[in-house]
């Protein structure tokens, strides 16, 4: 990936974090939802472009990905200003770009999901692309329903912002693809466990999202508990079977963030069950959950992809990982309430990204792109 494109991604992801804090710096009279820019710039614009770059497997960023990035930024701006006709048109263009790249890499129908001889890393990779294209399509249908047709009106959770959060799922799945790509193959029992991990993660996320829409809290706890157990199993496989690479340390750290998101997610659901529940009272917990997911777990995968062929990098991995945890675990959530911590978290995040994006590599990565 070119230096210029890495710099652009760093700027987008850093701006995304700062937009998450912008409500502290602007008057309450401004009616816009800055969290939308926070979500879009990181997940759809930067994250979606990185996923497509990884899929094409080229050193140079293709014109198709540049078009996707530009259109995604325009999509984010129109969605921020709630101008939904352009959003619907651009969503179909983005959907076509993602599907054209996915079909060229894999196939129109994901038959590979049901083949035991296809690497699980490749299954997660295709699932990431499908999740990205379906997220664009489904969010467009929600816009049509909520803004124009009003067919489904009895579901309070059927909101645009709920579905826009789904753009983080492709990033999670591509990180899973990276994780499984560095695991050794050790017989059929291990292969079964890998495939169980694939199906539990994907079906679990889909079912969990459905329970959110229908506001079924106890089933959410049940599904989240299963996902938590699945993540522990995958972490065990990574530690045991993962090649001894610099990337492995970052991915193990990422799995720690993922376990943390599962715990905070379950805790938040229990708070929702309490009779005196009010969402504004638990904003801090949801912030801790979202920061660990986006800027902890997902960032680990995206950063590795950006330097995919440059590893190992000339940096102190353990120090950077510890700095990353302090930023995500403490500074970022505190920034929700205090301007000083918001600025400090943004600066630290820029430092972390810069270290990964621009530190000189010492050799080509020996991890091949999943096929």
Protein backbone atom coordinates (compact mmCIF):
# COMPACT_ATOMS: atom_id res chain seq x y z
CA UNK A 1 0.00 0.00 0.00
CA UNK A 2 1.38 3.39 -1.00
CA UNK A 3 2.56 5.89 1.61
CA UNK A 4 0.02 8.45 0.38
CA UNK A 5 -2.91 6.08 0.74
CA UNK A 6 -1.78 5.05 4.23
CA UNK A 7 -1.64 8.72 5.21
CA UNK A 8 -5.18 9.23 3.91
CA UNK A 9 -6.45 6.26 5.92
CA UNK A 10 -4.72 7.53 9.05
CA UNK A 11 -6.42 10.91 8.62
CA UNK A 12 -9.84 9.32 8.09
CA UNK A 13 -9.61 7.03 11.12
CA UNK A 14 -8.26 9.79 13.35
CA UNK A 15 -11.04 12.15 12.25
CA UNK A 16 -13.53 9.36 12.93
CA UNK A 17 -12.41 9.17 16.56
CA UNK A 18 -12.49 12.95 17.00
CA UNK A 19 -16.02 13.17 15.55
CA UNK A 20 -17.04 10.79 18.31
CA UNK A 21 -16.08 13.54 20.77
CA UNK A 22 -17.31 16.54 18.80
CA UNK A 23 -20.46 16.93 20.87
CA UNK A 24 -18.20 18.20 23.68
CA UNK A 25 -16.92 21.04 21.51
CA UNK A 26 -20.08 22.27 19.75
CA UNK A 27 -23.23 23.91 21.16
CA UNK A 28 -26.18 21.68 22.05
CA UNK A 29 -28.30 23.68 19.62
CA UNK A 30 -26.57 22.08 16.64
CA UNK A 31 -28.99 19.28 15.63
CA UNK A 32 -26.62 16.92 13.82
CA UNK A 33 -25.62 13.43 14.94
CA UNK A 34 -21.82 13.47 14.83
CA UNK A 35 -21.69 9.79 15.79
CA UNK A 36 -22.73 9.03 12.21
CA UNK A 37 -19.51 10.55 10.91
CA UNK A 38 -17.65 8.73 13.67
CA UNK A 39 -19.09 5.41 12.45
CA UNK A 40 -18.94 6.03 8.70
CA UNK A 41 -15.41 7.40 8.43
CA UNK A 42 -13.92 4.48 10.34
CA UNK A 43 -16.12 1.55 9.30
CA UNK A 44 -17.35 2.26 5.80
CA UNK A 45 -14.83 4.72 4.34
CA UNK A 46 -11.50 3.58 5.79
CA UNK A 47 -12.49 0.04 6.81
CA UNK A 48 -14.44 -0.84 3.67
CA UNK A 49 -11.62 0.43 1.44
CA UNK A 50 -9.04 -1.62 3.36
CA UNK A 51 -11.17 -4.78 3.05
CA UNK A 52 -11.47 -4.28 -0.73
CA UNK A 53 -7.74 -3.52 -1.03
CA UNK A 54 -6.94 -6.76 0.79
CA UNK A 55 -9.31 -8.69 -1.46
CA UNK A 56 -7.73 -7.46 -4.68
CA UNK A 57 -4.31 -8.44 -3.36
CA UNK A 58 -2.38 -5.78 -5.27
CA UNK A 59 0.43 -3.62 -3.95
CA UNK A 60 -1.03 -0.57 -5.69
CA UNK A 61 -4.50 0.72 -4.82
CA UNK A 62 -6.76 0.25 -7.85
CA UNK A 63 -9.01 2.96 -9.38
CA UNK A 64 -12.05 0.91 -8.30
CA UNK A 65 -11.05 1.21 -4.63
CA UNK A 66 -10.36 4.93 -5.01
CA UNK A 67 -13.86 5.36 -6.47
CA UNK A 68 -15.29 3.36 -3.56
CA UNK A 69 -13.50 5.53 -1.01
CA UNK A 70 -14.58 8.81 -2.62
CA UNK A 71 -18.18 7.66 -2.96
CA UNK A 72 -18.20 6.33 0.61
CA UNK A 73 -17.09 9.74 1.92
CA UNK A 74 -19.85 11.42 -0.10
CA UNK A 75 -22.30 8.81 1.26
CA UNK A 76 -21.19 9.66 4.82
CA UNK A 77 -21.68 13.39 4.26
CA UNK A 78 -25.17 13.02 2.81
CA UNK A 79 -26.19 10.57 5.55
CA UNK A 80 -24.88 13.01 8.16
CA UNK A 81 -27.06 15.79 6.73
CA UNK A 82 -29.99 13.33 6.39
CA UNK A 83 -30.23 13.81 2.61
CA UNK A 84 -31.40 10.30 1.82
CA UNK A 85 -32.10 10.30 -1.92
CA UNK A 86 -28.37 10.72 -2.76
CA UNK A 87 -27.57 8.19 -0.02
CA UNK A 88 -29.78 5.57 -1.71
CA UNK A 89 -28.21 6.18 -5.12
CA UNK A 90 -24.64 6.07 -3.82
CA UNK A 91 -25.37 2.95 -1.75
CA UNK A 92 -26.24 1.06 -4.93
CA UNK A 93 -22.98 2.18 -6.55
CA UNK A 94 -21.00 1.04 -3.51
CA UNK A 95 -22.94 -2.24 -3.45
CA UNK A 96 -22.05 -2.86 -7.12
CA UNK A 97 -18.35 -2.17 -6.49
CA UNK A 98 -18.18 -4.53 -3.50
CA UNK A 99 -20.04 -7.31 -5.30
CA UNK A 100 -17.92 -7.00 -8.45
CA UNK A 101 -14.76 -7.46 -6.38
CA UNK A 102 -16.27 -10.29 -4.32
CA UNK A 103 -17.55 -12.24 -7.32
CA UNK A 104 -14.21 -11.88 -9.11
CA UNK A 105 -12.34 -13.15 -6.04
CA UNK A 106 -14.81 -15.87 -5.05
CA UNK A 107 -18.15 -16.57 -6.77
CA UNK A 108 -21.68 -15.17 -7.04
CA UNK A 109 -23.14 -17.65 -4.56
CA UNK A 110 -20.98 -18.46 -1.50
CA UNK A 111 -20.78 -22.22 -2.08
CA UNK A 112 -17.38 -22.19 -0.35
CA UNK A 113 -19.10 -21.77 3.01
CA UNK A 114 -20.31 -25.38 2.76
CA UNK A 115 -17.07 -26.96 1.51
CA UNK A 116 -14.83 -28.61 4.08
CA UNK A 117 -11.72 -28.29 1.91
CA UNK A 118 -11.93 -24.49 1.67
CA UNK A 119 -9.76 -22.72 4.29
CA UNK A 120 -11.76 -21.08 7.06
CA UNK A 121 -9.76 -17.88 6.49
CA UNK A 122 -11.19 -17.72 2.95
CA UNK A 123 -14.71 -18.30 4.29
CA UNK A 124 -14.36 -15.42 6.74
CA UNK A 125 -12.92 -13.27 3.95
CA UNK A 126 -15.90 -13.82 1.68
CA UNK A 127 -18.30 -13.39 4.62
CA UNK A 128 -16.72 -9.99 5.26
CA UNK A 129 -17.41 -8.86 1.70
CA UNK A 130 -20.96 -10.23 1.79
CA UNK A 131 -21.60 -8.46 5.09
CA UNK A 132 -20.36 -5.19 3.60
CA UNK A 133 -22.55 -5.40 0.50
CA UNK A 134 -25.59 -6.64 2.42
CA UNK A 135 -25.11 -3.88 4.99
CA UNK A 136 -25.35 -1.30 2.21
CA UNK A 137 -28.45 -2.98 0.79
CA UNK A 138 -30.28 -3.51 4.09
CA UNK A 139 -29.56 0.00 5.37
CA UNK A 140 -31.03 1.33 2.11
CA UNK A 141 -34.20 -0.70 2.70
CA UNK A 142 -34.42 0.72 6.23
CA UNK A 143 -34.11 4.25 4.81
CA UNK A 144 -36.94 3.54 2.36
CA UNK A 145 -39.10 2.19 5.17
CA UNK A 146 -38.38 4.85 7.78
CA UNK A 147 -38.34 7.90 5.51
CA UNK A 148 -40.77 7.13 2.68
CA UNK A 149 -42.99 4.02 2.90
CA UNK A 150 -43.52 3.43 6.67
CA UNK A 151 -44.41 -0.23 6.21
CA UNK A 152 -42.80 -1.43 9.45
CA UNK A 153 -43.51 1.06 12.20
CA UNK A 154 -43.89 -1.09 15.31
CA UNK A 155 -40.21 -1.79 15.93
CA UNK A 156 -38.51 1.02 17.92
CA UNK A 157 -35.06 -0.50 17.22
CA UNK A 158 -35.63 -0.42 13.45
CA UNK A 159 -33.60 2.75 13.24
CA UNK A 160 -30.97 3.87 10.77
CA UNK A 161 -28.28 4.33 13.38
CA UNK A 162 -28.80 0.74 14.56
CA UNK A 163 -28.20 -0.59 11.06
CA UNK A 164 -25.35 1.81 10.35
CA UNK A 165 -23.52 0.19 13.27
CA UNK A 166 -23.59 -3.01 11.22
CA UNK A 167 -20.81 -1.62 9.02
CA UNK A 168 -18.39 -2.69 11.76
CA UNK A 169 -19.17 -6.39 11.16
CA UNK A 170 -17.20 -6.69 7.88
CA UNK A 171 -14.11 -5.38 9.68
CA UNK A 172 -14.53 -7.93 12.45
CA UNK A 173 -14.88 -10.75 9.93
CA UNK A 174 -11.82 -9.71 7.90
CA UNK A 175 -9.81 -9.67 11.13
CA UNK A 176 -11.03 -13.22 11.77
CA UNK A 177 -9.82 -14.12 8.29
CA UNK A 178 -6.35 -12.83 9.12
CA UNK A 179 -6.39 -14.69 12.41
CA UNK A 180 -7.23 -18.06 10.84
CA UNK A 181 -4.75 -17.51 8.00
CA UNK A 182 -1.78 -17.80 10.37
CA UNK A 183 -3.03 -21.03 12.00
CA UNK A 184 -1.48 -24.35 11.12
CA UNK A 185 -3.66 -27.27 9.99
CA UNK A 186 -3.52 -30.21 12.39
CA UNK A 187 -6.02 -32.87 11.42
CA UNK A 188 -9.78 -33.18 11.19
CA UNK A 189 -10.67 -32.34 14.83
CA UNK A 190 -8.95 -28.96 14.48
CA UNK A 191 -10.63 -28.43 11.11
CA UNK A 192 -14.02 -29.11 12.70
CA UNK A 193 -13.31 -26.62 15.48
CA UNK A 194 -12.31 -23.99 12.93
CA UNK A 195 -15.52 -24.49 10.96
CA UNK A 196 -17.58 -24.46 14.14
CA UNK A 197 -15.95 -21.13 14.93
CA UNK A 198 -16.88 -19.81 11.49
CA UNK A 199 -20.56 -20.76 11.71
CA UNK A 200 -21.01 -19.77 15.36
CA UNK A 201 -19.51 -16.33 14.76
CA UNK A 202 -21.52 -15.56 11.62
CA UNK A 203 -24.85 -17.05 12.63
CA UNK A 204 -24.43 -15.74 16.16
CA UNK A 205 -23.97 -12.16 14.98
CA UNK A 206 -26.95 -12.38 12.62
CA UNK A 207 -29.24 -13.91 15.26
CA UNK A 208 -28.05 -11.45 17.89
CA UNK A 209 -28.84 -8.53 15.57
CA UNK A 210 -32.34 -9.92 15.01
CA UNK A 211 -32.91 -10.13 18.77
CA UNK A 212 -31.83 -6.48 19.08
CA UNK A 213 -34.44 -5.45 16.50
CA UNK A 214 -37.17 -7.42 18.29
CA UNK A 215 -35.91 -6.24 21.72
CA UNK A 216 -35.53 -9.76 23.17
CA UNK A 217 -33.08 -9.27 26.03
CA UNK A 218 -32.69 -12.77 27.49
CA UNK A 219 -32.07 -14.34 24.06
CA UNK A 220 -29.45 -11.62 23.53
CA UNK A 221 -27.68 -12.77 26.69
CA UNK A 222 -27.85 -16.40 25.54
CA UNK A 223 -26.41 -15.68 22.08
CA UNK A 224 -23.74 -13.36 23.46
CA UNK A 225 -22.67 -16.07 25.92
CA UNK A 226 -22.28 -18.55 23.06
CA UNK A 227 -20.25 -15.98 21.10
CA UNK A 228 -18.09 -15.41 24.17
CA UNK A 229 -17.34 -19.13 24.42
CA UNK A 230 -16.60 -19.24 20.68
CA UNK A 231 -14.12 -16.38 20.98
CA UNK A 232 -12.33 -18.20 23.82
CA UNK A 233 -12.08 -21.31 21.63
CA UNK A 234 -10.69 -19.28 18.71
CA UNK A 235 -8.19 -17.59 21.00
CA UNK A 236 -7.03 -21.02 22.18
CA UNK A 237 -6.58 -22.13 18.56
CA UNK A 238 -4.63 -18.97 17.76
CA UNK A 239 -2.27 -19.36 20.71
CA UNK A 240 -1.74 -23.05 20.02
CA UNK A 241 -1.64 -23.12 16.21
CA UNK A 242 -0.68 -19.59 15.19
CA UNK A 243 2.67 -19.15 13.45
CA UNK A 244 5.26 -17.34 15.56
CA UNK A 245 4.95 -13.98 13.78
CA UNK A 246 4.80 -10.35 14.87
CA UNK A 247 1.23 -10.26 13.57
CA UNK A 248 0.24 -12.94 16.07
CA UNK A 249 0.98 -10.65 19.03
CA UNK A 250 -1.28 -7.94 17.60
CA UNK A 251 -4.06 -10.45 16.87
CA UNK A 252 -3.90 -11.96 20.37
CA UNK A 253 -4.22 -8.43 21.73
CA UNK A 254 -7.18 -7.93 19.39
CA UNK A 255 -8.84 -11.05 20.75
CA UNK A 256 -8.44 -9.60 24.23
CA UNK A 257 -10.36 -6.53 23.08
CA UNK A 258 -13.02 -8.79 21.56
CA UNK A 259 -13.50 -10.67 24.84
CA UNK A 260 -13.75 -7.32 26.59
CA UNK A 261 -16.50 -6.20 24.19
CA UNK A 262 -18.42 -9.42 24.88
CA UNK A 263 -18.25 -8.85 28.65
CA UNK A 264 -19.32 -5.20 28.42
CA UNK A 265 -22.08 -6.16 25.97
CA UNK A 266 -23.52 -8.76 28.35
CA UNK A 267 -23.27 -6.31 31.25
CA UNK A 268 -25.13 -3.65 29.27
CA UNK A 269 -27.95 -6.09 28.45
CA UNK A 270 -28.36 -6.87 32.15
CA UNK A 271 -28.61 -3.16 32.88
CA UNK A 272 -31.32 -2.91 30.20
CA UNK A 273 -33.33 -5.49 32.13
CA UNK A 274 -33.40 -3.37 35.28
CA UNK A 275 -36.69 -1.53 35.97
CA UNK A 276 -34.99 1.88 36.34
CA UNK A 277 -32.98 1.56 33.10
CA UNK A 278 -32.27 4.80 31.21
CA UNK A 279 -29.86 4.72 28.28
CA UNK A 280 -28.21 8.04 29.18
CA UNK A 281 -27.13 6.58 32.54
CA UNK A 282 -25.11 3.86 30.84
CA UNK A 283 -23.60 5.82 28.00
CA UNK A 284 -20.18 5.31 29.57
CA UNK A 285 -20.51 1.52 29.32
CA UNK A 286 -21.65 1.59 25.71
CA UNK A 287 -18.73 3.89 24.89
CA UNK A 288 -16.27 1.46 26.50
CA UNK A 289 -17.87 -1.32 24.46
CA UNK A 290 -17.73 0.54 21.14
CA UNK A 291 -14.18 1.89 21.59
CA UNK A 292 -12.86 -1.59 22.36
CA UNK A 293 -14.66 -2.98 19.33
CA UNK A 294 -13.71 -0.34 16.75
CA UNK A 295 -10.38 1.03 17.94
CA UNK A 296 -9.22 -2.14 19.68
CA UNK A 297 -10.30 -5.34 17.95
CA UNK A 298 -11.07 -4.04 14.46
CA UNK A 299 -8.05 -1.75 14.34
CA UNK A 300 -5.71 -4.69 14.93
CA UNK A 301 -6.90 -6.37 11.72
CA UNK A 302 -7.01 -3.20 9.62
CA UNK A 303 -3.51 -2.15 10.66
CA UNK A 304 -2.06 -5.55 9.74
CA UNK A 305 -3.72 -5.41 6.31
CA UNK A 306 -2.29 -1.93 5.65
CA UNK A 307 1.24 -3.27 6.21
CA UNK A 308 0.48 -6.81 5.08
CA UNK A 309 3.62 -7.33 2.97
CA UNK A 310 5.95 -5.29 5.20
CA UNK A 311 6.00 -7.40 8.37
CA UNK A 312 7.92 -7.75 10.59
CA UNK A 313 8.04 -4.05 11.45
CA UNK A 314 10.90 -2.39 13.30
CA UNK A 315 8.96 -1.50 16.43
CA UNK A 316 8.61 -2.75 19.99
CA UNK A 317 5.36 -4.72 19.70
CA UNK A 318 4.73 -5.24 23.42
CA UNK A 319 5.20 -1.55 24.24
CA UNK A 320 2.88 -0.48 21.41
CA UNK A 321 0.25 -3.04 22.43
CA UNK A 322 0.35 -1.79 26.05
CA UNK A 323 0.04 1.81 24.85
CA UNK A 324 -2.90 0.75 22.67
CA UNK A 325 -4.68 -0.83 25.65
CA UNK A 326 -4.19 2.26 27.84
CA UNK A 327 -5.59 4.48 25.08
CA UNK A 328 -8.64 2.31 24.34
CA UNK A 329 -9.38 1.13 27.87
CA UNK A 330 -8.90 4.43 29.73
CA UNK A 331 -8.28 7.57 27.64
CA UNK A 332 -10.90 6.98 24.93
CA UNK A 333 -13.89 6.38 27.27
CA UNK A 334 -12.85 9.27 29.54
CA UNK A 335 -12.84 11.48 26.45
CA UNK A 336 -16.61 11.03 26.28
CA UNK A 337 -16.92 13.38 29.27
CA UNK A 338 -13.79 15.54 29.36
CA UNK A 339 -12.24 17.62 26.57
CA UNK A 340 -8.72 17.03 27.83
CA UNK A 341 -9.06 13.26 27.58
CA UNK A 342 -10.79 13.56 24.19
CA UNK A 343 -7.78 15.44 22.82
CA UNK A 344 -5.33 13.10 24.57
CA UNK A 345 -7.07 9.99 23.21
CA UNK A 346 -7.09 11.40 19.68
CA UNK A 347 -3.38 12.28 19.85
CA UNK A 348 -2.46 8.86 21.27
CA UNK A 349 -4.53 7.17 18.59
CA UNK A 350 -2.65 9.13 15.90
CA UNK A 351 0.66 8.04 17.49
CA UNK A 352 -0.43 4.37 17.49
CA UNK A 353 -1.60 4.49 13.89
CA UNK A 354 1.52 6.34 12.78
CA UNK A 355 3.76 3.74 14.41
CA UNK A 356 2.01 0.93 12.58
CA UNK A 357 1.49 2.72 9.27
CA UNK A 358 4.92 4.28 8.81
CA UNK A 359 7.44 2.19 10.75
CA UNK A 360 9.89 0.61 8.34
CA UNK A 361 9.41 -3.10 7.63
CA UNK A 362 12.27 -5.59 7.77
CA UNK A 363 10.92 -8.34 5.52
CA UNK A 364 7.94 -9.41 3.50
CA UNK A 365 5.15 -11.09 5.43
CA UNK A 366 5.12 -14.84 5.13
CA UNK A 367 1.35 -14.89 5.57
CA UNK A 368 -0.27 -15.22 2.16
CA UNK A 369 -3.58 -13.65 1.18
CA UNK A 370 -6.38 -16.13 1.76
CA UNK A 371 -7.61 -17.71 -1.43
